[in-house]
Each structure stands twice: as C-alpha cells, then as structure tokens.
Amino acid sequence: MKIHAQSSAALTQLGKLIEAIPVAMFCNLDAEGTLVSRPMSPLEMDVNGALWFFTDVNSSKVEQLRKVNLSFADPARASYVSLAGHGELETDQAHIQQLWSPFMKPWFPDGPDSANLALLKFVPESAEYWDAPHSKMVRMAAMAASVVAGKPVGVGDHDTLTGLSPATPAV
C-alpha cells in the first residue's frame, strides 16, 4: 500500500501501524443489520488519511457504507488496529488508472476499464490500536511478568486516536 505524507501526527502514526499489513477485514452492516466482514487489500492511504480499495459496484457492501470498520492484524509483530469510519464510492477513472495493478485482473478481467470497477474510499474517524513492537521473546517475558504482578507489565502500547477525518473534531 502506498502511504502519502499525512496531515497530522495521529494519521502519521496510523500509517506506520498499518503500512506493513497487506489485508484488512472490512466490516459493515448488511441490509438486515447483520455484521458482515470480508478481506480487502488497501491500495493507498491518501494525504487526508483515507484508505482506498477497488470494489465491484454491484457488491452488496456498497449499499451499506454509513458505518464501517476496518481491522488490521499482524500477529508476528503483535500489532492490531481497528478503524471506525464510513465509506464512499468513487468512479474517478484517472484515480482508478493510477491505482490499477495487474493483480486485480482476476476480479476485473477488462482491467481498469471494467464496467463494474469502482474505488471504495474509507474515511477513518477513529482508531484503536494495540502494538507490542518488541521481539516475541520480550513479549513472552512481559506476559509472564504480568501474570506474576497481577496486572499488565510492559506488554506494549494501547491507545485510541480520534479526530482522524476533517469532518470529525479531535477529542
């Protein structure tokens, strides 16, 4: 995923947390109000922190974009990120051409000119993350120390980032 220079420290931190994770679970409500998740590969994080994906305009997910969650997980690094926001459907052909990759051909056989190809723009409003950047051995020692101490000890960072989109004021 290409990550552009971000407009705030919180978005810069978010970009660093997710840049090495190639797949996100995209979760939204279906027409009956049931949570539905699917794996999707982010293509870009633009300068405003929006994440861009290719999608099929006929997909049921594009009907329910008012509230969306993206979750990223990198168990090897013990890094987990959950983003809350909303989605928007975009059909800008120049942007589609810019982000096109031959790896998308199985889903869109006519390439960037596929009639049903669109961009799904995810606009983050808040993020929660858990990040333990140390080695697995250090994380195991911290877990053992936590058990002995009866409270979390050196298990990494956990925080919430708010006000990520321009329409959402920082808290």
N, C-alpha and C. Protein backbone atom coordinates (compact mmCIF):
# COMPACT_ATOMS: atom_id res chain seq x y z
N MET A 1 0.85 -1.17 0.00
CA MET A 1 0.00 0.00 0.00
C MET A 1 0.90 1.23 0.00
N LYS A 2 0.52 2.18 -0.81
CA LYS A 2 1.24 3.45 -0.85
C LYS A 2 0.67 4.36 0.23
N ILE A 3 1.53 4.89 1.08
CA ILE A 3 1.10 5.80 2.13
C ILE A 3 1.73 7.16 1.87
N HIS A 4 0.88 8.16 1.64
CA HIS A 4 1.33 9.53 1.40
C HIS A 4 1.68 10.20 2.72
N ALA A 5 2.43 11.29 2.66
CA ALA A 5 2.71 12.10 3.85
C ALA A 5 1.37 12.55 4.42
N GLN A 6 1.20 12.44 5.72
CA GLN A 6 -0.09 12.70 6.35
C GLN A 6 -0.19 14.12 6.91
N SER A 7 -1.44 14.55 7.12
CA SER A 7 -1.71 15.92 7.55
C SER A 7 -1.71 16.10 9.07
N SER A 8 -1.53 15.01 9.82
CA SER A 8 -1.49 15.13 11.28
C SER A 8 -0.60 14.03 11.87
N ALA A 9 -0.19 14.25 13.10
CA ALA A 9 0.65 13.26 13.79
C ALA A 9 -0.12 11.96 14.01
N ALA A 10 -1.42 12.05 14.32
CA ALA A 10 -2.22 10.85 14.54
C ALA A 10 -2.32 10.01 13.27
N LEU A 11 -2.52 10.67 12.11
CA LEU A 11 -2.59 9.93 10.85
C LEU A 11 -1.24 9.35 10.46
N THR A 12 -0.16 10.06 10.77
CA THR A 12 1.19 9.54 10.51
C THR A 12 1.41 8.28 11.34
N GLN A 13 1.02 8.32 12.60
CA GLN A 13 1.15 7.15 13.46
C GLN A 13 0.31 5.99 12.93
N LEU A 14 -0.92 6.28 12.51
CA LEU A 14 -1.79 5.25 11.95
C LEU A 14 -1.15 4.62 10.72
N GLY A 15 -0.60 5.44 9.84
CA GLY A 15 0.06 4.92 8.65
C GLY A 15 1.20 3.97 8.99
N LYS A 16 1.99 4.32 10.00
CA LYS A 16 3.10 3.46 10.41
C LYS A 16 2.60 2.13 10.97
N LEU A 17 1.46 2.17 11.66
CA LEU A 17 0.91 0.94 12.25
C LEU A 17 0.40 -0.03 11.19
N ILE A 18 -0.16 0.48 10.09
CA ILE A 18 -0.80 -0.41 9.11
C ILE A 18 -0.01 -0.63 7.84
N GLU A 19 1.08 0.12 7.61
CA GLU A 19 1.76 0.06 6.32
C GLU A 19 2.26 -1.33 5.93
N ALA A 20 2.62 -2.16 6.88
CA ALA A 20 3.17 -3.48 6.56
C ALA A 20 2.11 -4.58 6.55
N ILE A 21 0.85 -4.20 6.72
CA ILE A 21 -0.23 -5.20 6.78
C ILE A 21 -0.99 -5.16 5.46
N PRO A 22 -0.87 -6.20 4.63
CA PRO A 22 -1.41 -6.14 3.26
C PRO A 22 -2.92 -6.35 3.13
N VAL A 23 -3.57 -6.85 4.17
CA VAL A 23 -5.01 -7.14 4.07
C VAL A 23 -5.72 -6.63 5.32
N ALA A 24 -6.86 -6.02 5.10
CA ALA A 24 -7.72 -5.58 6.20
C ALA A 24 -9.03 -6.34 6.13
N MET A 25 -9.65 -6.55 7.27
CA MET A 25 -11.00 -7.08 7.29
C MET A 25 -11.94 -5.89 7.27
N PHE A 26 -12.76 -5.81 6.24
CA PHE A 26 -13.71 -4.72 6.03
C PHE A 26 -15.06 -5.20 6.55
N CYS A 27 -15.59 -4.53 7.56
CA CYS A 27 -16.82 -4.98 8.22
C CYS A 27 -17.86 -3.86 8.16
N ASN A 28 -19.06 -4.24 7.74
CA ASN A 28 -20.18 -3.31 7.76
C ASN A 28 -21.47 -4.08 8.01
N LEU A 29 -22.57 -3.36 8.10
CA LEU A 29 -23.87 -3.99 8.29
C LEU A 29 -24.47 -4.32 6.94
N ASP A 30 -25.12 -5.49 6.84
CA ASP A 30 -25.83 -5.79 5.61
C ASP A 30 -27.25 -5.22 5.69
N ALA A 31 -28.06 -5.47 4.69
CA ALA A 31 -29.41 -4.91 4.62
C ALA A 31 -30.28 -5.33 5.79
N GLU A 32 -29.98 -6.50 6.40
CA GLU A 32 -30.76 -6.99 7.54
C GLU A 32 -30.18 -6.54 8.88
N GLY A 33 -29.08 -5.80 8.86
CA GLY A 33 -28.47 -5.32 10.09
C GLY A 33 -27.47 -6.28 10.70
N THR A 34 -27.06 -7.29 9.96
CA THR A 34 -26.07 -8.26 10.42
C THR A 34 -24.67 -7.79 10.04
N LEU A 35 -23.72 -7.93 10.96
CA LEU A 35 -22.34 -7.59 10.65
C LEU A 35 -21.77 -8.59 9.64
N VAL A 36 -21.13 -8.07 8.62
CA VAL A 36 -20.52 -8.90 7.58
C VAL A 36 -19.09 -8.40 7.37
N SER A 37 -18.14 -9.34 7.32
CA SER A 37 -16.73 -8.98 7.11
C SER A 37 -16.19 -9.68 5.88
N ARG A 38 -15.24 -9.02 5.24
CA ARG A 38 -14.57 -9.61 4.08
C ARG A 38 -13.15 -9.07 4.01
N PRO A 39 -12.19 -9.87 3.55
CA PRO A 39 -10.82 -9.37 3.42
C PRO A 39 -10.70 -8.46 2.19
N MET A 40 -9.99 -7.37 2.36
CA MET A 40 -9.75 -6.45 1.24
C MET A 40 -8.33 -5.90 1.36
N SER A 41 -7.72 -5.64 0.23
CA SER A 41 -6.35 -5.11 0.21
C SER A 41 -6.36 -3.61 -0.03
N PRO A 42 -5.87 -2.84 0.93
CA PRO A 42 -5.82 -1.40 0.72
C PRO A 42 -4.77 -1.05 -0.33
N LEU A 43 -5.10 -0.08 -1.17
CA LEU A 43 -4.21 0.33 -2.25
C LEU A 43 -3.39 1.56 -1.88
N GLU A 44 -4.01 2.45 -1.11
CA GLU A 44 -3.39 3.74 -0.85
C GLU A 44 -3.99 4.34 0.42
N MET A 45 -3.16 5.10 1.13
CA MET A 45 -3.62 5.97 2.21
C MET A 45 -3.29 7.38 1.74
N ASP A 46 -4.32 8.15 1.37
CA ASP A 46 -4.08 9.47 0.79
C ASP A 46 -3.66 10.48 1.86
N VAL A 47 -3.40 11.72 1.45
CA VAL A 47 -2.87 12.74 2.36
C VAL A 47 -3.84 13.11 3.48
N ASN A 48 -5.11 12.76 3.32
CA ASN A 48 -6.10 13.04 4.36
C ASN A 48 -6.40 11.82 5.22
N GLY A 49 -5.63 10.73 5.03
CA GLY A 49 -5.81 9.53 5.83
C GLY A 49 -6.84 8.56 5.30
N ALA A 50 -7.51 8.89 4.18
CA ALA A 50 -8.49 7.97 3.60
C ALA A 50 -7.77 6.76 3.00
N LEU A 51 -8.38 5.60 3.17
CA LEU A 51 -7.84 4.37 2.60
C LEU A 51 -8.68 3.99 1.39
N TRP A 52 -8.01 3.61 0.32
CA TRP A 52 -8.67 3.33 -0.95
C TRP A 52 -8.55 1.85 -1.31
N PHE A 53 -9.66 1.30 -1.82
CA PHE A 53 -9.76 -0.10 -2.22
C PHE A 53 -10.46 -0.17 -3.57
N PHE A 54 -10.19 -1.21 -4.34
CA PHE A 54 -11.02 -1.49 -5.51
C PHE A 54 -12.23 -2.27 -5.04
N THR A 55 -13.36 -2.04 -5.70
CA THR A 55 -14.57 -2.79 -5.39
C THR A 55 -15.42 -2.93 -6.64
N ASP A 56 -16.36 -3.83 -6.58
CA ASP A 56 -17.34 -4.03 -7.64
C ASP A 56 -18.57 -3.19 -7.29
N VAL A 57 -19.02 -2.36 -8.22
CA VAL A 57 -20.18 -1.50 -7.94
C VAL A 57 -21.43 -2.31 -7.62
N ASN A 58 -21.46 -3.59 -8.00
CA ASN A 58 -22.61 -4.44 -7.73
C ASN A 58 -22.51 -5.19 -6.40
N SER A 59 -21.42 -5.00 -5.68
CA SER A 59 -21.23 -5.67 -4.40
C SER A 59 -22.23 -5.15 -3.38
N SER A 60 -22.73 -6.04 -2.55
CA SER A 60 -23.69 -5.64 -1.52
C SER A 60 -23.08 -4.67 -0.51
N LYS A 61 -21.76 -4.70 -0.34
CA LYS A 61 -21.13 -3.82 0.65
C LYS A 61 -21.29 -2.35 0.31
N VAL A 62 -21.42 -2.01 -0.97
CA VAL A 62 -21.51 -0.59 -1.33
C VAL A 62 -22.87 0.02 -0.99
N GLU A 63 -23.82 -0.82 -0.60
CA GLU A 63 -25.14 -0.32 -0.19
C GLU A 63 -25.15 0.14 1.27
N GLN A 64 -24.16 -0.28 2.04
CA GLN A 64 -24.13 -0.01 3.47
C GLN A 64 -22.77 0.56 3.88
N LEU A 65 -22.52 1.81 3.57
CA LEU A 65 -21.22 2.40 3.85
C LEU A 65 -21.26 3.48 4.93
N ARG A 66 -22.42 3.68 5.54
CA ARG A 66 -22.56 4.73 6.55
C ARG A 66 -21.68 4.48 7.75
N LYS A 67 -21.58 3.23 8.20
CA LYS A 67 -20.72 2.85 9.33
C LYS A 67 -19.91 1.63 8.90
N VAL A 68 -18.59 1.79 8.96
CA VAL A 68 -17.70 0.73 8.51
C VAL A 68 -16.57 0.58 9.52
N ASN A 69 -16.09 -0.65 9.67
CA ASN A 69 -14.92 -0.92 10.50
C ASN A 69 -13.89 -1.64 9.64
N LEU A 70 -12.64 -1.21 9.77
CA LEU A 70 -11.53 -1.92 9.16
C LEU A 70 -10.65 -2.44 10.28
N SER A 71 -10.26 -3.70 10.21
CA SER A 71 -9.34 -4.21 11.22
C SER A 71 -8.11 -4.78 10.51
N PHE A 72 -6.96 -4.44 11.07
CA PHE A 72 -5.67 -4.89 10.56
C PHE A 72 -5.01 -5.70 11.67
N ALA A 73 -4.40 -6.82 11.30
CA ALA A 73 -3.72 -7.66 12.30
C ALA A 73 -2.40 -8.15 11.75
N ASP A 74 -1.37 -7.98 12.56
CA ASP A 74 -0.05 -8.53 12.25
C ASP A 74 0.42 -9.28 13.49
N PRO A 75 -0.02 -10.55 13.64
CA PRO A 75 0.34 -11.32 14.84
C PRO A 75 1.85 -11.47 15.04
N ALA A 76 2.62 -11.54 13.96
CA ALA A 76 4.07 -11.71 14.10
C ALA A 76 4.70 -10.51 14.82
N ARG A 77 4.14 -9.33 14.62
CA ARG A 77 4.65 -8.12 15.29
C ARG A 77 3.81 -7.74 16.50
N ALA A 78 2.76 -8.51 16.76
CA ALA A 78 1.82 -8.22 17.84
C ALA A 78 1.26 -6.80 17.69
N SER A 79 0.83 -6.50 16.48
CA SER A 79 0.27 -5.19 16.17
C SER A 79 -1.14 -5.37 15.61
N TYR A 80 -2.10 -4.66 16.22
CA TYR A 80 -3.51 -4.79 15.84
C TYR A 80 -4.12 -3.40 15.81
N VAL A 81 -4.92 -3.13 14.76
CA VAL A 81 -5.53 -1.82 14.60
C VAL A 81 -6.98 -2.00 14.17
N SER A 82 -7.87 -1.26 14.82
CA SER A 82 -9.29 -1.26 14.47
C SER A 82 -9.68 0.18 14.14
N LEU A 83 -10.19 0.39 12.93
CA LEU A 83 -10.58 1.73 12.48
C LEU A 83 -12.10 1.81 12.34
N ALA A 84 -12.68 2.89 12.84
CA ALA A 84 -14.11 3.15 12.66
C ALA A 84 -14.23 4.34 11.72
N GLY A 85 -15.18 4.26 10.80
CA GLY A 85 -15.38 5.36 9.87
C GLY A 85 -16.54 5.09 8.95
N HIS A 86 -16.49 5.70 7.79
CA HIS A 86 -17.53 5.48 6.79
C HIS A 86 -16.88 5.34 5.42
N GLY A 87 -17.66 4.83 4.48
CA GLY A 87 -17.16 4.62 3.14
C GLY A 87 -17.89 5.47 2.12
N GLU A 88 -17.22 5.69 1.00
CA GLU A 88 -17.79 6.43 -0.12
C GLU A 88 -17.39 5.72 -1.41
N LEU A 89 -18.28 5.67 -2.36
CA LEU A 89 -17.99 5.05 -3.65
C LEU A 89 -17.52 6.13 -4.62
N GLU A 90 -16.41 5.87 -5.30
CA GLU A 90 -15.84 6.83 -6.26
C GLU A 90 -15.65 6.13 -7.60
N THR A 91 -15.87 6.85 -8.68
CA THR A 91 -15.69 6.25 -10.01
C THR A 91 -14.74 7.08 -10.88
N ASP A 92 -13.88 7.87 -10.26
CA ASP A 92 -12.93 8.71 -10.99
C ASP A 92 -11.97 7.81 -11.77
N GLN A 93 -12.09 7.83 -13.09
CA GLN A 93 -11.32 6.94 -13.95
C GLN A 93 -9.82 7.21 -13.85
N ALA A 94 -9.42 8.47 -13.68
CA ALA A 94 -7.99 8.78 -13.57
C ALA A 94 -7.41 8.16 -12.30
N HIS A 95 -8.15 8.20 -11.21
CA HIS A 95 -7.67 7.61 -9.95
C HIS A 95 -7.64 6.09 -10.07
N ILE A 96 -8.63 5.52 -10.73
CA ILE A 96 -8.65 4.06 -10.96
C ILE A 96 -7.41 3.66 -11.76
N GLN A 97 -7.11 4.39 -12.82
CA GLN A 97 -5.94 4.09 -13.65
C GLN A 97 -4.65 4.21 -12.82
N GLN A 98 -4.59 5.22 -11.98
CA GLN A 98 -3.39 5.45 -11.15
C GLN A 98 -3.15 4.30 -10.18
N LEU A 99 -4.21 3.72 -9.63
CA LEU A 99 -4.08 2.67 -8.62
C LEU A 99 -4.11 1.25 -9.21
N TRP A 100 -4.41 1.13 -10.49
CA TRP A 100 -4.56 -0.19 -11.11
C TRP A 100 -3.30 -1.03 -10.98
N SER A 101 -3.54 -2.33 -10.75
CA SER A 101 -2.46 -3.31 -10.70
C SER A 101 -2.91 -4.55 -11.46
N PRO A 102 -2.02 -5.21 -12.18
CA PRO A 102 -2.38 -6.44 -12.88
C PRO A 102 -2.89 -7.53 -11.92
N PHE A 103 -2.56 -7.43 -10.65
CA PHE A 103 -3.04 -8.41 -9.67
C PHE A 103 -4.55 -8.37 -9.51
N MET A 104 -5.19 -7.31 -9.97
CA MET A 104 -6.65 -7.17 -9.86
C MET A 104 -7.39 -7.81 -11.03
N LYS A 105 -6.66 -8.22 -12.05
CA LYS A 105 -7.26 -8.77 -13.27
C LYS A 105 -8.20 -9.96 -13.03
N PRO A 106 -7.92 -10.86 -12.08
CA PRO A 106 -8.87 -11.97 -11.86
C PRO A 106 -10.27 -11.49 -11.46
N TRP A 107 -10.36 -10.38 -10.76
CA TRP A 107 -11.65 -9.85 -10.32
C TRP A 107 -12.26 -8.90 -11.35
N PHE A 108 -11.38 -8.25 -12.11
CA PHE A 108 -11.83 -7.27 -13.11
C PHE A 108 -11.10 -7.57 -14.42
N PRO A 109 -11.60 -8.59 -15.17
CA PRO A 109 -10.90 -9.09 -16.36
C PRO A 109 -10.68 -8.05 -17.47
N ASP A 110 -11.50 -7.00 -17.50
CA ASP A 110 -11.33 -5.97 -18.53
C ASP A 110 -10.38 -4.87 -18.07
N GLY A 111 -9.66 -5.15 -16.98
CA GLY A 111 -8.67 -4.19 -16.48
C GLY A 111 -9.32 -2.95 -15.90
N PRO A 112 -8.60 -1.85 -15.91
CA PRO A 112 -9.12 -0.62 -15.29
C PRO A 112 -10.36 -0.08 -16.01
N ASP A 113 -10.66 -0.60 -17.17
CA ASP A 113 -11.85 -0.16 -17.90
C ASP A 113 -13.06 -1.05 -17.63
N SER A 114 -12.95 -1.99 -16.69
CA SER A 114 -14.07 -2.87 -16.35
C SER A 114 -15.28 -2.02 -15.95
N ALA A 115 -16.42 -2.35 -16.51
CA ALA A 115 -17.64 -1.55 -16.29
C ALA A 115 -18.07 -1.52 -14.82
N ASN A 116 -17.79 -2.57 -14.08
CA ASN A 116 -18.25 -2.65 -12.69
C ASN A 116 -17.18 -2.26 -11.67
N LEU A 117 -16.03 -1.75 -12.14
CA LEU A 117 -14.93 -1.38 -11.25
C LEU A 117 -15.13 0.02 -10.69
N ALA A 118 -14.96 0.14 -9.39
CA ALA A 118 -15.02 1.45 -8.72
C ALA A 118 -14.01 1.46 -7.59
N LEU A 119 -13.84 2.60 -6.99
CA LEU A 119 -12.99 2.74 -5.81
C LEU A 119 -13.88 2.92 -4.59
N LEU A 120 -13.50 2.24 -3.53
CA LEU A 120 -14.17 2.43 -2.26
C LEU A 120 -13.21 3.23 -1.38
N LYS A 121 -13.66 4.38 -0.97
CA LYS A 121 -12.87 5.28 -0.13
C LYS A 121 -13.35 5.11 1.31
N PHE A 122 -12.46 4.66 2.18
CA PHE A 122 -12.77 4.53 3.60
C PHE A 122 -12.22 5.77 4.31
N VAL A 123 -13.08 6.50 4.99
CA VAL A 123 -12.69 7.71 5.71
C VAL A 123 -12.67 7.38 7.20
N PRO A 124 -11.47 7.29 7.80
CA PRO A 124 -11.40 6.94 9.22
C PRO A 124 -11.83 8.10 10.11
N GLU A 125 -12.53 7.77 11.17
CA GLU A 125 -12.94 8.77 12.14
C GLU A 125 -12.23 8.56 13.47
N SER A 126 -11.97 7.29 13.80
CA SER A 126 -11.20 6.98 15.00
C SER A 126 -10.49 5.65 14.79
N ALA A 127 -9.48 5.44 15.62
CA ALA A 127 -8.72 4.19 15.54
C ALA A 127 -8.35 3.76 16.95
N GLU A 128 -8.34 2.48 17.16
CA GLU A 128 -7.83 1.92 18.41
C GLU A 128 -6.76 0.93 18.02
N TYR A 129 -5.65 0.96 18.75
CA TYR A 129 -4.56 0.05 18.39
C TYR A 129 -3.91 -0.56 19.61
N TRP A 130 -3.34 -1.73 19.37
CA TRP A 130 -2.55 -2.46 20.34
C TRP A 130 -1.25 -2.78 19.61
N ASP A 131 -0.13 -2.37 20.16
CA ASP A 131 1.14 -2.54 19.47
C ASP A 131 2.22 -2.90 20.48
N ALA A 132 2.81 -4.06 20.28
CA ALA A 132 3.92 -4.51 21.12
C ALA A 132 5.12 -4.73 20.20
N PRO A 133 5.89 -3.68 19.94
CA PRO A 133 6.93 -3.76 18.92
C PRO A 133 8.15 -4.59 19.29
N HIS A 134 8.20 -5.15 20.47
CA HIS A 134 9.36 -5.93 20.89
C HIS A 134 9.34 -7.32 20.26
N SER A 135 10.41 -8.07 20.45
CA SER A 135 10.50 -9.43 19.93
C SER A 135 9.51 -10.33 20.65
N LYS A 136 9.26 -11.47 20.05
CA LYS A 136 8.33 -12.43 20.66
C LYS A 136 8.83 -12.85 22.05
N MET A 137 10.12 -13.01 22.21
CA MET A 137 10.69 -13.41 23.49
C MET A 137 10.42 -12.34 24.56
N VAL A 138 10.60 -11.07 24.21
CA VAL A 138 10.34 -9.97 25.15
C VAL A 138 8.85 -9.94 25.49
N ARG A 139 7.99 -10.16 24.50
CA ARG A 139 6.54 -10.17 24.76
C ARG A 139 6.17 -11.31 25.69
N MET A 140 6.80 -12.47 25.52
CA MET A 140 6.52 -13.61 26.39
C MET A 140 6.97 -13.31 27.82
N ALA A 141 8.13 -12.68 27.98
CA ALA A 141 8.62 -12.31 29.31
C ALA A 141 7.69 -11.30 29.96
N ALA A 142 7.19 -10.34 29.18
CA ALA A 142 6.25 -9.34 29.70
C ALA A 142 4.95 -10.02 30.13
N MET A 143 4.51 -11.01 29.37
CA MET A 143 3.29 -11.73 29.73
C MET A 143 3.50 -12.48 31.04
N ALA A 144 4.64 -13.13 31.18
CA ALA A 144 4.93 -13.85 32.42
C ALA A 144 5.00 -12.87 33.60
N ALA A 145 5.65 -11.72 33.40
CA ALA A 145 5.73 -10.71 34.46
C ALA A 145 4.34 -10.19 34.82
N SER A 146 3.47 -10.07 33.82
CA SER A 146 2.10 -9.61 34.07
C SER A 146 1.33 -10.61 34.93
N VAL A 147 1.54 -11.90 34.67
CA VAL A 147 0.87 -12.93 35.46
C VAL A 147 1.33 -12.86 36.91
N VAL A 148 2.64 -12.74 37.11
CA VAL A 148 3.19 -12.67 38.45
C VAL A 148 2.71 -11.40 39.17
N ALA A 149 2.71 -10.27 38.46
CA ALA A 149 2.34 -8.99 39.07
C ALA A 149 0.83 -8.83 39.23
N GLY A 150 0.06 -9.62 38.48
CA GLY A 150 -1.39 -9.50 38.54
C GLY A 150 -1.92 -8.27 37.83
N LYS A 151 -1.09 -7.67 36.97
CA LYS A 151 -1.51 -6.52 36.17
C LYS A 151 -0.60 -6.46 34.94
N PRO A 152 -1.04 -5.79 33.88
CA PRO A 152 -0.22 -5.71 32.67
C PRO A 152 1.11 -5.00 32.95
N VAL A 153 2.20 -5.64 32.51
CA VAL A 153 3.54 -5.08 32.69
C VAL A 153 4.26 -5.12 31.34
N GLY A 154 4.59 -3.97 30.80
CA GLY A 154 5.41 -3.90 29.58
C GLY A 154 4.89 -4.67 28.41
N VAL A 155 3.56 -4.73 28.23
CA VAL A 155 3.00 -5.53 27.14
C VAL A 155 2.80 -4.72 25.85
N GLY A 156 3.21 -3.48 25.83
CA GLY A 156 3.10 -2.69 24.62
C GLY A 156 2.15 -1.52 24.77
N ASP A 157 1.88 -0.88 23.65
CA ASP A 157 1.04 0.31 23.64
C ASP A 157 -0.39 -0.04 23.29
N HIS A 158 -1.33 0.63 23.92
CA HIS A 158 -2.74 0.56 23.58
C HIS A 158 -3.28 1.98 23.69
N ASP A 159 -3.89 2.46 22.62
CA ASP A 159 -4.38 3.83 22.63
C ASP A 159 -5.50 3.97 21.61
N THR A 160 -6.19 5.10 21.71
CA THR A 160 -7.24 5.46 20.77
C THR A 160 -6.85 6.77 20.11
N LEU A 161 -7.00 6.81 18.80
CA LEU A 161 -6.76 8.03 18.04
C LEU A 161 -8.11 8.54 17.56
N THR A 162 -8.43 9.81 17.80
CA THR A 162 -9.71 10.36 17.38
C THR A 162 -9.47 11.59 16.49
N GLY A 163 -10.55 12.06 15.90
CA GLY A 163 -10.45 13.25 15.05
C GLY A 163 -9.61 13.02 13.82
N LEU A 164 -9.70 11.83 13.22
CA LEU A 164 -8.84 11.50 12.09
C LEU A 164 -9.29 12.12 10.78
N SER A 165 -10.60 12.34 10.63
CA SER A 165 -11.07 12.94 9.39
C SER A 165 -11.39 14.40 9.64
N PRO A 166 -11.27 15.23 8.59
CA PRO A 166 -11.53 16.66 8.77
C PRO A 166 -12.92 16.96 9.32
N ALA A 167 -13.90 16.09 9.03
CA ALA A 167 -15.27 16.32 9.49
C ALA A 167 -15.46 15.92 10.94
N THR A 168 -14.46 15.26 11.54
CA THR A 168 -14.58 14.78 12.90
C THR A 168 -13.65 15.58 13.79
N PRO A 169 -14.20 16.37 14.73
CA PRO A 169 -13.32 17.15 15.61
C PRO A 169 -12.54 16.25 16.56
N ALA A 170 -11.31 16.63 16.86
CA ALA A 170 -10.48 15.86 17.81
C ALA A 170 -11.06 15.94 19.20
N VAL A 171 -10.97 14.84 19.93
CA VAL A 171 -11.47 14.77 21.31
C VAL A 171 -10.31 14.82 22.26
